[in-house]
Amino acid sequence: MYLPATQEERPLAPPPPERFIASLRAKGVKPLSVGRSVVATWTPNEAIVLDTIRELGLDWQLTFNKGAVMCLPPGINKASGLQAAVEQLKLSAHNVVGIGDAENDQAFLAACGCSAAVANALESVLENTDMRTTAARGAGVTELIDHWLEDPGATFADIRRHDLYLGESRASGTPVTLPADKGAVLITGSSGVGKTTLTHLLIERIAQGGCASERGNA
């Protein structure tokens, strides 16, 4: 994680084992990119990489970025990187808009309050995001940002998965929800009508939705 204000760099995972890299090179795996924590190659090298992980008894994992094969330490992915970033910024992942296109984006997109896919994203990504752009690649990112700056309310108005489910209407049986994007809630009424019960219900729903943090923010 890079902190622009201080130019500080914080590793979020240990470096790859030297014996792992040496073994892949000895087996002729090319191309082979070695980062500070990630080792990357391309398909169809994933079979060799998996065999090497088994041979060395490593607890490492593979993820894919379309044709790229990413080798990562256990528990490390874009979602864990996002979590480290929002903790540093003292935000919630619910305040994040994420955009992606490939397999390795799905974990972090699922954690974001709003997830988007560019037009050239894999079908599995398109099916599991809140919105999609009409443009592909970087142009799709620009498109989303432009819409956001132009009219934030309209950009995110159709995202209803964060609404708090309260129950069902006795009259119609339809779900009763509290919109998650409408600001503060005022609970009022005479004594004994259930204000405390409703407050407890709201708190439980907020916690279940992952909106409450250890700092008490929602």
C-alpha atoms as a PDB file:
ATOM      1  CA  MET A   1       0.000   0.000   0.000  1.00  0.00           C
ATOM      2  CA  TYR A   2       1.393   3.383  -1.051  1.00  0.00           C
ATOM      3  CA  LEU A   3       0.609   6.526   0.954  1.00  0.00           C
ATOM      4  CA  PRO A   4       1.061   9.532  -1.349  1.00  0.00           C
ATOM      5  CA  ALA A   5       1.120  12.134   1.447  1.00  0.00           C
ATOM      6  CA  THR A   6       4.189  10.592   3.087  1.00  0.00           C
ATOM      7  CA  GLN A   7       5.468   8.509   0.144  1.00  0.00           C
ATOM      8  CA  GLU A   8       5.435   5.569   2.537  1.00  0.00           C
ATOM      9  CA  GLU A   9       5.104   2.016   1.250  1.00  0.00           C
ATOM     10  CA  ARG A  10       3.584  -0.679   3.465  1.00  0.00           C
ATOM     11  CA  PRO A  11       3.842  -4.354   2.480  1.00  0.00           C
ATOM     12  CA  LEU A  12       0.528  -6.157   2.898  1.00  0.00           C
ATOM     13  CA  ALA A  13       1.949  -9.654   2.460  1.00  0.00           C
ATOM     14  CA  PRO A  14       5.284 -11.489   2.789  1.00  0.00           C
ATOM     15  CA  PRO A  15       7.561 -11.806  -0.264  1.00  0.00           C
ATOM     16  CA  PRO A  16       7.353 -14.982  -2.362  1.00  0.00           C
ATOM     17  CA  PRO A  17       9.663 -17.816  -1.246  1.00  0.00           C
ATOM     18  CA  GLU A  18      12.929 -17.873  -3.180  1.00  0.00           C
ATOM     19  CA  ARG A  19      12.679 -21.651  -3.642  1.00  0.00           C
ATOM     20  CA  PHE A  20       9.297 -21.207  -5.293  1.00  0.00           C
ATOM     21  CA  ILE A  21      10.673 -18.698  -7.793  1.00  0.00           C
ATOM     22  CA  ALA A  22      13.792 -20.784  -8.402  1.00  0.00           C
ATOM     23  CA  SER A  23      11.730 -23.907  -9.066  1.00  0.00           C
ATOM     24  CA  LEU A  24       9.468 -22.128 -11.560  1.00  0.00           C
ATOM     25  CA  ARG A  25      12.485 -20.775 -13.412  1.00  0.00           C
ATOM     26  CA  ALA A  26      14.127 -24.185 -13.441  1.00  0.00           C
ATOM     27  CA  LYS A  27      10.974 -25.618 -15.026  1.00  0.00           C
ATOM     28  CA  GLY A  28      11.104 -23.014 -17.761  1.00  0.00           C
ATOM     29  CA  VAL A  29       7.977 -21.080 -16.785  1.00  0.00           C
ATOM     30  CA  LYS A  30       7.898 -18.008 -19.031  1.00  0.00           C
ATOM     31  CA  PRO A  31       6.987 -15.232 -18.818  1.00  0.00           C
ATOM     32  CA  LEU A  32       7.511 -14.981 -15.071  1.00  0.00           C
ATOM     33  CA  SER A  33       7.033 -11.730 -13.191  1.00  0.00           C
ATOM     34  CA  VAL A  34       8.051 -11.518  -9.547  1.00  0.00           C
ATOM     35  CA  GLY A  35       6.592  -8.701  -7.494  1.00  0.00           C
ATOM     36  CA  ARG A  36       6.968  -7.826  -3.844  1.00  0.00           C
ATOM     37  CA  SER A  37       4.331 -10.355  -2.873  1.00  0.00           C
ATOM     38  CA  VAL A  38       2.846 -11.652  -6.136  1.00  0.00           C
ATOM     39  CA  VAL A  39       4.252 -14.039  -8.732  1.00  0.00           C
ATOM     40  CA  ALA A  40       2.603 -13.859 -12.150  1.00  0.00           C
ATOM     41  CA  THR A  41       2.690 -15.819 -15.386  1.00  0.00           C
ATOM     42  CA  TRP A  42       0.231 -16.677 -18.175  1.00  0.00           C
ATOM     43  CA  THR A  43      -1.925 -19.616 -19.125  1.00  0.00           C
ATOM     44  CA  PRO A  44      -1.396 -22.519 -19.632  1.00  0.00           C
ATOM     45  CA  ASN A  45       1.358 -22.393 -16.998  1.00  0.00           C
ATOM     46  CA  GLU A  46      -1.134 -22.761 -14.136  1.00  0.00           C
ATOM     47  CA  ALA A  47      -0.707 -26.559 -14.109  1.00  0.00           C
ATOM     48  CA  ILE A  48       3.052 -26.258 -13.581  1.00  0.00           C
ATOM     49  CA  VAL A  49       2.553 -23.601 -10.922  1.00  0.00           C
ATOM     50  CA  LEU A  50       0.069 -25.758  -9.005  1.00  0.00           C
ATOM     51  CA  ASP A  51       2.370 -28.773  -9.183  1.00  0.00           C
ATOM     52  CA  THR A  52       5.224 -26.661  -7.850  1.00  0.00           C
ATOM     53  CA  ILE A  53       3.119 -25.380  -4.960  1.00  0.00           C
ATOM     54  CA  ARG A  54       2.235 -28.975  -4.036  1.00  0.00           C
ATOM     55  CA  GLU A  55       5.829 -30.180  -4.364  1.00  0.00           C
ATOM     56  CA  LEU A  56       7.122 -27.458  -2.057  1.00  0.00           C
ATOM     57  CA  GLY A  57       4.236 -27.780   0.402  1.00  0.00           C
ATOM     58  CA  LEU A  58       3.323 -24.123   0.110  1.00  0.00           C
ATOM     59  CA  ASP A  59       0.049 -22.622   1.286  1.00  0.00           C
ATOM     60  CA  TRP A  60      -0.302 -20.391  -1.767  1.00  0.00           C
ATOM     61  CA  GLN A  61      -3.268 -19.747  -4.034  1.00  0.00           C
ATOM     62  CA  LEU A  62      -3.955 -18.987  -7.675  1.00  0.00           C
ATOM     63  CA  THR A  63      -6.294 -16.449  -9.170  1.00  0.00           C
ATOM     64  CA  PHE A  64      -6.799 -15.386 -12.756  1.00  0.00           C
ATOM     65  CA  ASN A  65      -6.892 -12.071 -14.564  1.00  0.00           C
ATOM     66  CA  LYS A  66      -8.251 -13.283 -17.891  1.00  0.00           C
ATOM     67  CA  GLY A  67      -5.122 -14.855 -19.449  1.00  0.00           C
ATOM     68  CA  ALA A  68      -2.830 -13.953 -16.563  1.00  0.00           C
ATOM     69  CA  VAL A  69      -2.147 -16.383 -13.708  1.00  0.00           C
ATOM     70  CA  MET A  70      -1.550 -14.697 -10.350  1.00  0.00           C
ATOM     71  CA  CYS A  71       0.120 -16.587  -7.477  1.00  0.00           C
ATOM     72  CA  LEU A  72      -0.643 -15.099  -4.057  1.00  0.00           C
ATOM     73  CA  PRO A  73       0.065 -15.752  -0.368  1.00  0.00           C
ATOM     74  CA  PRO A  74      -2.879 -17.175   1.598  1.00  0.00           C
ATOM     75  CA  GLY A  75      -5.635 -14.690   2.341  1.00  0.00           C
ATOM     76  CA  ILE A  76      -4.214 -12.056   0.008  1.00  0.00           C
ATOM     77  CA  ASN A  77      -6.311 -10.642  -2.811  1.00  0.00           C
ATOM     78  CA  LYS A  78      -7.728  -7.318  -3.939  1.00  0.00           C
ATOM     79  CA  ALA A  79     -10.358  -7.485  -1.194  1.00  0.00           C
ATOM     80  CA  SER A  80      -7.700  -7.696   1.530  1.00  0.00           C
ATOM     81  CA  GLY A  81      -5.880  -4.788  -0.109  1.00  0.00           C
ATOM     82  CA  LEU A  82      -9.097  -2.772  -0.144  1.00  0.00           C
ATOM     83  CA  GLN A  83      -9.674  -3.541   3.523  1.00  0.00           C
ATOM     84  CA  ALA A  84      -6.195  -2.295   4.427  1.00  0.00           C
ATOM     85  CA  ALA A  85      -6.784   0.894   2.453  1.00  0.00           C
ATOM     86  CA  VAL A  86     -10.170   1.741   3.987  1.00  0.00           C
ATOM     87  CA  GLU A  87      -8.839   1.082   7.485  1.00  0.00           C
ATOM     88  CA  GLN A  88      -6.005   3.516   6.808  1.00  0.00           C
ATOM     89  CA  LEU A  89      -8.484   6.084   5.506  1.00  0.00           C
ATOM     90  CA  LYS A  90     -10.936   5.371   8.361  1.00  0.00           C
ATOM     91  CA  LEU A  91     -13.722   4.610   5.909  1.00  0.00           C
ATOM     92  CA  SER A  92     -16.064   1.715   5.320  1.00  0.00           C
ATOM     93  CA  ALA A  93     -15.936  -0.411   2.187  1.00  0.00           C
ATOM     94  CA  HIS A  94     -19.580   0.597   1.820  1.00  0.00           C
ATOM     95  CA  ASN A  95     -18.274   4.057   0.854  1.00  0.00           C
ATOM     96  CA  VAL A  96     -16.233   2.625  -2.032  1.00  0.00           C
ATOM     97  CA  VAL A  97     -17.118   2.423  -5.715  1.00  0.00           C
ATOM     98  CA  GLY A  98     -15.149  -0.402  -7.321  1.00  0.00           C
ATOM     99  CA  ILE A  99     -14.816  -1.198 -11.014  1.00  0.00           C
ATOM    100  CA  GLY A 100     -13.251  -4.213 -12.696  1.00  0.00           C
ATOM    101  CA  ASP A 101     -13.335  -6.700 -15.540  1.00  0.00           C
ATOM    102  CA  ALA A 102     -11.776 -10.046 -14.575  1.00  0.00           C
ATOM    103  CA  GLU A 103     -11.825 -12.981 -12.164  1.00  0.00           C
ATOM    104  CA  ASN A 104      -9.422 -11.482  -9.633  1.00  0.00           C
ATOM    105  CA  ASP A 105     -11.648  -8.391  -9.301  1.00  0.00           C
ATOM    106  CA  GLN A 106     -14.674 -10.268  -7.985  1.00  0.00           C
ATOM    107  CA  ALA A 107     -13.626 -10.541  -4.331  1.00  0.00           C
ATOM    108  CA  PHE A 108     -13.034  -6.834  -3.962  1.00  0.00           C
ATOM    109  CA  LEU A 109     -16.073  -5.833  -6.032  1.00  0.00           C
ATOM    110  CA  ALA A 110     -18.267  -7.886  -3.707  1.00  0.00           C
ATOM    111  CA  ALA A 111     -16.922  -5.892  -0.760  1.00  0.00           C
ATOM    112  CA  CYS A 112     -17.612  -2.481  -2.297  1.00  0.00           C
ATOM    113  CA  GLY A 113     -20.724  -0.472  -1.590  1.00  0.00           C
ATOM    114  CA  CYS A 114     -21.119  -0.052  -5.344  1.00  0.00           C
ATOM    115  CA  SER A 115     -19.618  -2.427  -7.881  1.00  0.00           C
ATOM    116  CA  ALA A 116     -19.287  -1.706 -11.585  1.00  0.00           C
ATOM    117  CA  ALA A 117     -18.014  -3.605 -14.605  1.00  0.00           C
ATOM    118  CA  VAL A 118     -16.581  -2.164 -17.798  1.00  0.00           C
ATOM    119  CA  ALA A 119     -18.175  -3.258 -21.061  1.00  0.00           C
ATOM    120  CA  ASN A 120     -15.440  -5.780 -21.892  1.00  0.00           C
ATOM    121  CA  ALA A 121     -15.648  -7.523 -18.498  1.00  0.00           C
ATOM    122  CA  LEU A 122     -16.104 -11.270 -18.235  1.00  0.00           C
ATOM    123  CA  GLU A 123     -19.723 -12.406 -18.148  1.00  0.00           C
ATOM    124  CA  SER A 124     -19.318 -13.669 -14.584  1.00  0.00           C
ATOM    125  CA  VAL A 125     -18.274 -10.160 -13.515  1.00  0.00           C
ATOM    126  CA  LEU A 126     -21.076  -8.463 -15.458  1.00  0.00           C
ATOM    127  CA  GLU A 127     -23.643 -10.723 -13.795  1.00  0.00           C
ATOM    128  CA  ASN A 128     -22.546  -9.852 -10.256  1.00  0.00           C
ATOM    129  CA  THR A 129     -22.079  -6.092 -10.305  1.00  0.00           C
ATOM    130  CA  ASP A 130     -24.492  -3.260  -9.620  1.00  0.00           C
ATOM    131  CA  MET A 131     -23.903  -1.506 -12.935  1.00  0.00           C
ATOM    132  CA  ARG A 132     -21.966  -1.718 -16.173  1.00  0.00           C
ATOM    133  CA  THR A 133     -20.488   0.907 -18.439  1.00  0.00           C
ATOM    134  CA  THR A 134     -21.118   1.208 -22.158  1.00  0.00           C
ATOM    135  CA  ALA A 135     -17.403   1.765 -22.827  1.00  0.00           C
ATOM    136  CA  ALA A 136     -14.608  -0.764 -22.382  1.00  0.00           C
ATOM    137  CA  ARG A 137     -11.358  -0.699 -20.417  1.00  0.00           C
ATOM    138  CA  GLY A 138     -10.098   2.724 -19.268  1.00  0.00           C
ATOM    139  CA  ALA A 139     -12.789   4.552 -21.216  1.00  0.00           C
ATOM    140  CA  GLY A 140     -15.374   2.735 -19.104  1.00  0.00           C
ATOM    141  CA  VAL A 141     -13.715   3.960 -15.910  1.00  0.00           C
ATOM    142  CA  THR A 142     -13.780   7.516 -17.254  1.00  0.00           C
ATOM    143  CA  GLU A 143     -17.438   7.107 -18.177  1.00  0.00           C
ATOM    144  CA  LEU A 144     -18.374   6.044 -14.643  1.00  0.00           C
ATOM    145  CA  ILE A 145     -16.433   8.914 -13.059  1.00  0.00           C
ATOM    146  CA  ASP A 146     -18.019  11.470 -15.403  1.00  0.00           C
ATOM    147  CA  HIS A 147     -21.531  10.235 -14.585  1.00  0.00           C
ATOM    148  CA  TRP A 148     -20.713  10.263 -10.888  1.00  0.00           C
ATOM    149  CA  LEU A 149     -19.463  13.846 -10.956  1.00  0.00           C
ATOM    150  CA  GLU A 150     -22.395  14.996 -13.094  1.00  0.00           C
ATOM    151  CA  ASP A 151     -25.179  13.505 -10.951  1.00  0.00           C
ATOM    152  CA  PRO A 152     -24.204  11.282  -8.001  1.00  0.00           C
ATOM    153  CA  GLY A 153     -27.805  10.667  -6.970  1.00  0.00           C
ATOM    154  CA  ALA A 154     -28.884   9.415 -10.369  1.00  0.00           C
ATOM    155  CA  THR A 155     -25.724   7.342 -10.824  1.00  0.00           C
ATOM    156  CA  PHE A 156     -26.365   5.222  -7.747  1.00  0.00           C
ATOM    157  CA  ALA A 157     -30.145   5.505  -7.377  1.00  0.00           C
ATOM    158  CA  ASP A 158     -30.874   1.995  -8.667  1.00  0.00           C
ATOM    159  CA  ILE A 159     -28.605   0.233  -6.155  1.00  0.00           C
ATOM    160  CA  ARG A 160     -31.010  -1.148  -3.580  1.00  0.00           C
ATOM    161  CA  ARG A 161     -29.121  -4.151  -2.158  1.00  0.00           C
ATOM    162  CA  HIS A 162     -28.078  -2.150   0.923  1.00  0.00           C
ATOM    163  CA  ASP A 163     -31.635  -1.223   1.896  1.00  0.00           C
ATOM    164  CA  LEU A 164     -32.509  -2.505   5.372  1.00  0.00           C
ATOM    165  CA  TYR A 165     -35.152  -5.229   5.392  1.00  0.00           C
ATOM    166  CA  LEU A 166     -37.597  -4.585   8.248  1.00  0.00           C
ATOM    167  CA  GLY A 167     -40.252  -7.203   7.624  1.00  0.00           C
ATOM    168  CA  GLU A 168     -43.375  -7.650   5.546  1.00  0.00           C
ATOM    169  CA  SER A 169     -46.513  -5.581   5.269  1.00  0.00           C
ATOM    170  CA  ARG A 170     -49.480  -7.165   7.078  1.00  0.00           C
ATOM    171  CA  ALA A 171     -51.810  -5.736   4.478  1.00  0.00           C
ATOM    172  CA  SER A 172     -50.040  -6.826   1.286  1.00  0.00           C
ATOM    173  CA  GLY A 173     -47.282  -9.195   2.358  1.00  0.00           C
ATOM    174  CA  THR A 174     -44.724  -7.159   0.416  1.00  0.00           C
ATOM    175  CA  PRO A 175     -41.270  -6.508   1.918  1.00  0.00           C
ATOM    176  CA  VAL A 176     -40.862  -3.323   3.924  1.00  0.00           C
ATOM    177  CA  THR A 177     -37.411  -1.780   3.582  1.00  0.00           C
ATOM    178  CA  LEU A 178     -35.611   1.323   4.730  1.00  0.00           C
ATOM    179  CA  PRO A 179     -33.633   3.003   1.909  1.00  0.00           C
ATOM    180  CA  ALA A 180     -29.942   3.005   2.751  1.00  0.00           C
ATOM    181  CA  ASP A 181     -29.245   6.288   0.960  1.00  0.00           C
ATOM    182  CA  LYS A 182     -31.798   8.600   2.561  1.00  0.00           C
ATOM    183  CA  GLY A 183     -29.818   9.970   5.481  1.00  0.00           C
ATOM    184  CA  ALA A 184     -30.956  10.131   9.113  1.00  0.00           C
ATOM    185  CA  VAL A 185     -33.916   8.265  10.593  1.00  0.00           C
ATOM    186  CA  LEU A 186     -36.329   9.762  13.107  1.00  0.00           C
ATOM    187  CA  ILE A 187     -38.214   7.282  15.291  1.00  0.00           C
ATOM    188  CA  THR A 188     -41.086   8.866  17.181  1.00  0.00           C
ATOM    189  CA  GLY A 189     -44.300   7.784  18.843  1.00  0.00           C
ATOM    190  CA  SER A 190     -46.125   7.561  22.143  1.00  0.00           C
ATOM    191  CA  SER A 191     -44.943   5.378  24.990  1.00  0.00           C
ATOM    192  CA  GLY A 192     -45.253   1.626  24.502  1.00  0.00           C
ATOM    193  CA  VAL A 193     -45.741   1.589  20.707  1.00  0.00           C
ATOM    194  CA  GLY A 194     -42.410  -0.168  20.047  1.00  0.00           C
ATOM    195  CA  LYS A 195     -39.804   2.559  19.452  1.00  0.00           C
ATOM    196  CA  THR A 196     -37.130   0.632  21.342  1.00  0.00           C
ATOM    197  CA  THR A 197     -37.982  -2.620  19.558  1.00  0.00           C
ATOM    198  CA  LEU A 198     -37.748  -0.908  16.175  1.00  0.00           C
ATOM    199  CA  THR A 199     -34.431   0.692  17.131  1.00  0.00           C
ATOM    200  CA  HIS A 200     -33.022  -2.692  18.134  1.00  0.00           C
ATOM    201  CA  LEU A 201     -34.232  -4.153  14.832  1.00  0.00           C
ATOM    202  CA  LEU A 202     -32.548  -1.392  12.837  1.00  0.00           C
ATOM    203  CA  ILE A 203     -29.268  -1.880  14.688  1.00  0.00           C
ATOM    204  CA  GLU A 204     -29.406  -5.634  14.066  1.00  0.00           C
ATOM    205  CA  ARG A 205     -30.082  -5.105  10.361  1.00  0.00           C
ATOM    206  CA  ILE A 206     -27.258  -2.579  10.093  1.00  0.00           C
ATOM    207  CA  ALA A 207     -24.851  -5.012  11.743  1.00  0.00           C
ATOM    208  CA  GLN A 208     -26.012  -7.908   9.539  1.00  0.00           C
ATOM    209  CA  GLY A 209     -25.389  -5.755   6.481  1.00  0.00           C
ATOM    210  CA  GLY A 210     -21.826  -5.100   7.546  1.00  0.00           C
ATOM    211  CA  CYS A 211     -22.434  -1.364   7.853  1.00  0.00           C
ATOM    212  CA  ALA A 212     -21.381  -1.082  11.494  1.00  0.00           C
ATOM    213  CA  SER A 213     -17.674  -0.881  12.305  1.00  0.00           C
ATOM    214  CA  GLU A 214     -15.671  -1.319  15.493  1.00  0.00           C
ATOM    215  CA  ARG A 215     -15.516   2.466  15.687  1.00  0.00           C
ATOM    216  CA  GLY A 216     -19.293   2.629  15.874  1.00  0.00           C
ATOM    217  CA  ASN A 217     -19.717   4.170  12.419  1.00  0.00           C
ATOM    218  CA  ALA A 218     -22.550   3.187  10.128  1.00  0.00           C
END
